[in-house]
Amino acid sequence: MWRVLAEGSPGLNDFASFGAAGIMGAMWLWERTTSRRREEQLDEAHTRIIADKVQLDELISVVRQNTEVMTRLTAAQEQLGQKLSGKG
């Protein structure tokens, strides 16, 4: 177990030479390192989510515009069909 901690935490041997205080210091250093990595991962995920939201908003806007155009086109086709059949 100490070998794994020693490989992942620089200076563990220096802390361990101080006994319990060294172990506590090494644990604190290891916790801070892993916490920093986790915070970076959360920041990256947040950035991706925000970017995805912007893209999704743009996609929804395009779909709404296309729906409006298709509705107008259908109405125009119906009017033209009525005029051509003599009902309008």
N, C-alpha and C. Protein backbone atom coordinates (compact mmCIF):
# COMPACT_ATOMS: atom_id res chain seq x y z
N MET A 1 0.83 -1.18 0.00
CA MET A 1 0.00 0.00 0.00
C MET A 1 0.88 1.26 0.00
N TRP A 2 1.92 1.26 0.81
CA TRP A 2 2.78 2.44 0.88
C TRP A 2 3.50 2.67 -0.44
N ARG A 3 3.80 1.56 -1.15
CA ARG A 3 4.47 1.70 -2.43
C ARG A 3 3.57 2.45 -3.41
N VAL A 4 2.28 2.11 -3.42
CA VAL A 4 1.33 2.78 -4.30
C VAL A 4 1.24 4.25 -3.96
N LEU A 5 1.15 4.57 -2.67
CA LEU A 5 1.10 5.97 -2.25
C LEU A 5 2.40 6.69 -2.58
N ALA A 6 3.52 6.00 -2.39
CA ALA A 6 4.82 6.62 -2.64
C ALA A 6 4.98 6.95 -4.12
N GLU A 7 4.46 6.08 -5.01
CA GLU A 7 4.56 6.34 -6.43
C GLU A 7 3.65 7.48 -6.86
N GLY A 8 2.48 7.62 -6.20
CA GLY A 8 1.52 8.63 -6.58
C GLY A 8 1.72 9.97 -5.90
N SER A 9 2.47 9.99 -4.80
CA SER A 9 2.66 11.23 -4.05
C SER A 9 4.14 11.54 -3.92
N PRO A 10 4.58 12.63 -4.54
CA PRO A 10 5.99 12.98 -4.43
C PRO A 10 6.34 13.36 -3.00
N GLY A 11 7.48 12.92 -2.54
CA GLY A 11 7.92 13.31 -1.22
C GLY A 11 7.33 12.50 -0.08
N LEU A 12 6.70 11.35 -0.36
CA LEU A 12 6.09 10.56 0.71
C LEU A 12 7.14 10.07 1.69
N ASN A 13 8.29 9.67 1.19
CA ASN A 13 9.35 9.19 2.07
C ASN A 13 9.77 10.28 3.06
N ASP A 14 9.79 11.53 2.59
CA ASP A 14 10.14 12.63 3.49
C ASP A 14 9.11 12.77 4.59
N PHE A 15 7.82 12.66 4.22
CA PHE A 15 6.77 12.78 5.23
C PHE A 15 6.78 11.58 6.17
N ALA A 16 6.96 10.39 5.63
CA ALA A 16 6.90 9.18 6.46
C ALA A 16 8.01 9.16 7.49
N SER A 17 9.11 9.80 7.20
CA SER A 17 10.21 9.83 8.17
C SER A 17 9.83 10.63 9.42
N PHE A 18 8.76 11.38 9.36
CA PHE A 18 8.30 12.15 10.51
C PHE A 18 7.24 11.40 11.32
N GLY A 19 7.00 10.15 11.02
CA GLY A 19 6.06 9.33 11.78
C GLY A 19 4.61 9.66 11.43
N ALA A 20 3.77 9.73 12.46
CA ALA A 20 2.34 9.96 12.27
C ALA A 20 2.09 11.29 11.57
N ALA A 21 2.85 12.30 11.94
CA ALA A 21 2.67 13.61 11.29
C ALA A 21 3.00 13.51 9.80
N GLY A 22 4.02 12.72 9.48
CA GLY A 22 4.38 12.54 8.09
C GLY A 22 3.29 11.82 7.32
N ILE A 23 2.71 10.81 7.96
CA ILE A 23 1.61 10.08 7.32
C ILE A 23 0.42 11.00 7.10
N MET A 24 0.09 11.79 8.10
CA MET A 24 -1.02 12.74 7.96
C MET A 24 -0.74 13.75 6.85
N GLY A 25 0.49 14.22 6.79
CA GLY A 25 0.87 15.15 5.74
C GLY A 25 0.77 14.53 4.36
N ALA A 26 1.22 13.28 4.24
CA ALA A 26 1.14 12.58 2.96
C ALA A 26 -0.30 12.36 2.55
N MET A 27 -1.14 11.99 3.51
CA MET A 27 -2.56 11.80 3.23
C MET A 27 -3.19 13.10 2.78
N TRP A 28 -2.83 14.20 3.43
CA TRP A 28 -3.38 15.51 3.05
C TRP A 28 -2.95 15.86 1.63
N LEU A 29 -1.66 15.65 1.34
CA LEU A 29 -1.15 15.96 0.02
C LEU A 29 -1.83 15.11 -1.04
N TRP A 30 -2.02 13.84 -0.76
CA TRP A 30 -2.69 12.93 -1.70
C TRP A 30 -4.14 13.36 -1.90
N GLU A 31 -4.83 13.73 -0.82
CA GLU A 31 -6.23 14.18 -0.91
C GLU A 31 -6.34 15.45 -1.73
N ARG A 32 -5.44 16.38 -1.54
CA ARG A 32 -5.47 17.63 -2.30
C ARG A 32 -5.23 17.38 -3.78
N THR A 33 -4.29 16.47 -4.08
CA THR A 33 -4.00 16.16 -5.48
C THR A 33 -5.21 15.54 -6.15
N THR A 34 -5.83 14.56 -5.50
CA THR A 34 -7.00 13.92 -6.10
C THR A 34 -8.18 14.88 -6.16
N SER A 35 -8.32 15.74 -5.17
CA SER A 35 -9.40 16.73 -5.20
C SER A 35 -9.21 17.71 -6.35
N ARG A 36 -7.99 18.13 -6.58
CA ARG A 36 -7.71 19.05 -7.69
C ARG A 36 -8.04 18.39 -9.02
N ARG A 37 -7.66 17.13 -9.17
CA ARG A 37 -7.98 16.42 -10.41
C ARG A 37 -9.49 16.33 -10.60
N ARG A 38 -10.20 16.02 -9.53
CA ARG A 38 -11.66 15.90 -9.62
C ARG A 38 -12.29 17.24 -9.98
N GLU A 39 -11.80 18.31 -9.39
CA GLU A 39 -12.33 19.64 -9.72
C GLU A 39 -12.09 19.97 -11.19
N GLU A 40 -10.93 19.60 -11.71
CA GLU A 40 -10.64 19.83 -13.13
C GLU A 40 -11.60 19.02 -14.00
N GLN A 41 -11.87 17.78 -13.60
CA GLN A 41 -12.82 16.95 -14.35
C GLN A 41 -14.21 17.57 -14.33
N LEU A 42 -14.63 18.07 -13.18
CA LEU A 42 -15.94 18.71 -13.08
C LEU A 42 -16.01 19.97 -13.93
N ASP A 43 -14.94 20.76 -13.92
CA ASP A 43 -14.90 21.97 -14.75
C ASP A 43 -15.01 21.62 -16.23
N GLU A 44 -14.28 20.58 -16.64
CA GLU A 44 -14.34 20.16 -18.04
C GLU A 44 -15.74 19.66 -18.41
N ALA A 45 -16.35 18.89 -17.51
CA ALA A 45 -17.71 18.40 -17.77
C ALA A 45 -18.69 19.55 -17.86
N HIS A 46 -18.55 20.54 -16.98
CA HIS A 46 -19.43 21.70 -17.00
C HIS A 46 -19.29 22.46 -18.31
N THR A 47 -18.06 22.63 -18.77
CA THR A 47 -17.82 23.32 -20.03
C THR A 47 -18.48 22.58 -21.19
N ARG A 48 -18.36 21.24 -21.19
CA ARG A 48 -18.99 20.44 -22.25
C ARG A 48 -20.51 20.56 -22.19
N ILE A 49 -21.07 20.54 -20.99
CA ILE A 49 -22.53 20.63 -20.84
C ILE A 49 -23.03 21.98 -21.35
N ILE A 50 -22.33 23.04 -21.01
CA ILE A 50 -22.73 24.37 -21.48
C ILE A 50 -22.64 24.44 -23.01
N ALA A 51 -21.57 23.90 -23.58
CA ALA A 51 -21.42 23.90 -25.04
C ALA A 51 -22.53 23.07 -25.69
N ASP A 52 -22.85 21.94 -25.09
CA ASP A 52 -23.93 21.10 -25.62
C ASP A 52 -25.26 21.83 -25.54
N LYS A 53 -25.48 22.58 -24.47
CA LYS A 53 -26.74 23.32 -24.31
C LYS A 53 -26.86 24.37 -25.41
N VAL A 54 -25.78 25.07 -25.71
CA VAL A 54 -25.79 26.08 -26.77
C VAL A 54 -26.13 25.42 -28.10
N GLN A 55 -25.49 24.30 -28.38
CA GLN A 55 -25.77 23.60 -29.64
C GLN A 55 -27.20 23.09 -29.69
N LEU A 56 -27.70 22.61 -28.57
CA LEU A 56 -29.08 22.13 -28.51
C LEU A 56 -30.06 23.28 -28.72
N ASP A 57 -29.80 24.43 -28.11
CA ASP A 57 -30.66 25.59 -28.31
C ASP A 57 -30.69 26.00 -29.78
N GLU A 58 -29.53 25.96 -30.44
CA GLU A 58 -29.47 26.29 -31.86
C GLU A 58 -30.26 25.28 -32.69
N LEU A 59 -30.14 24.01 -32.35
CA LEU A 59 -30.87 22.97 -33.07
C LEU A 59 -32.38 23.15 -32.89
N ILE A 60 -32.82 23.45 -31.69
CA ILE A 60 -34.25 23.66 -31.44
C ILE A 60 -34.75 24.86 -32.23
N SER A 61 -33.94 25.90 -32.31
CA SER A 61 -34.32 27.08 -33.09
C SER A 61 -34.50 26.74 -34.56
N VAL A 62 -33.58 25.96 -35.11
CA VAL A 62 -33.67 25.57 -36.52
C VAL A 62 -34.91 24.71 -36.75
N VAL A 63 -35.20 23.79 -35.84
CA VAL A 63 -36.38 22.94 -35.99
C VAL A 63 -37.65 23.78 -35.95
N ARG A 64 -37.71 24.76 -35.06
CA ARG A 64 -38.89 25.64 -34.99
C ARG A 64 -39.06 26.43 -36.29
N GLN A 65 -37.96 26.98 -36.78
CA GLN A 65 -38.03 27.74 -38.04
C GLN A 65 -38.49 26.84 -39.19
N ASN A 66 -37.95 25.63 -39.25
CA ASN A 66 -38.36 24.71 -40.31
C ASN A 66 -39.84 24.35 -40.19
N THR A 67 -40.32 24.18 -38.96
CA THR A 67 -41.73 23.87 -38.75
C THR A 67 -42.61 25.01 -39.23
N GLU A 68 -42.22 26.24 -38.92
CA GLU A 68 -42.99 27.40 -39.37
C GLU A 68 -43.02 27.48 -40.90
N VAL A 69 -41.88 27.26 -41.52
CA VAL A 69 -41.80 27.31 -42.99
C VAL A 69 -42.66 26.21 -43.59
N MET A 70 -42.59 25.01 -43.05
CA MET A 70 -43.39 23.89 -43.58
C MET A 70 -44.89 24.17 -43.41
N THR A 71 -45.27 24.78 -42.30
CA THR A 71 -46.68 25.12 -42.07
C THR A 71 -47.16 26.13 -43.10
N ARG A 72 -46.34 27.17 -43.34
CA ARG A 72 -46.71 28.17 -44.34
C ARG A 72 -46.75 27.57 -45.75
N LEU A 73 -45.80 26.70 -46.05
CA LEU A 73 -45.78 26.06 -47.36
C LEU A 73 -47.01 25.18 -47.56
N THR A 74 -47.38 24.44 -46.54
CA THR A 74 -48.57 23.58 -46.64
C THR A 74 -49.82 24.43 -46.85
N ALA A 75 -49.93 25.54 -46.12
CA ALA A 75 -51.09 26.43 -46.27
C ALA A 75 -51.12 27.01 -47.69
N ALA A 76 -49.97 27.41 -48.22
CA ALA A 76 -49.91 27.96 -49.57
C ALA A 76 -50.28 26.91 -50.60
N GLN A 77 -49.84 25.70 -50.40
CA GLN A 77 -50.20 24.61 -51.33
C GLN A 77 -51.69 24.35 -51.30
N GLU A 78 -52.28 24.38 -50.12
CA GLU A 78 -53.72 24.16 -50.01
C GLU A 78 -54.49 25.27 -50.73
N GLN A 79 -54.07 26.51 -50.55
CA GLN A 79 -54.72 27.63 -51.22
C GLN A 79 -54.59 27.50 -52.73
N LEU A 80 -53.42 27.15 -53.21
CA LEU A 80 -53.19 26.98 -54.63
C LEU A 80 -54.04 25.84 -55.18
N GLY A 81 -54.11 24.76 -54.42
CA GLY A 81 -54.93 23.62 -54.84
C GLY A 81 -56.41 24.00 -54.93
N GLN A 82 -56.88 24.82 -53.99
CA GLN A 82 -58.27 25.27 -54.01
C GLN A 82 -58.52 26.18 -55.20
N LYS A 83 -57.58 27.07 -55.50
CA LYS A 83 -57.73 27.99 -56.64
C LYS A 83 -57.76 27.22 -57.95
N LEU A 84 -56.89 26.22 -58.04
CA LEU A 84 -56.81 25.43 -59.28
C LEU A 84 -58.05 24.55 -59.46
N SER A 85 -58.64 24.11 -58.38
CA SER A 85 -59.83 23.26 -58.50
C SER A 85 -61.11 24.09 -58.62
N GLY A 86 -60.99 25.41 -58.49
CA GLY A 86 -62.14 26.31 -58.63
C GLY A 86 -62.93 26.47 -57.36
N LYS A 87 -62.43 25.99 -56.24
CA LYS A 87 -63.16 26.11 -54.95
C LYS A 87 -62.79 27.38 -54.21
N GLY A 88 -61.78 28.09 -54.59
CA GLY A 88 -61.32 29.22 -53.83
C GLY A 88 -61.59 30.52 -54.38
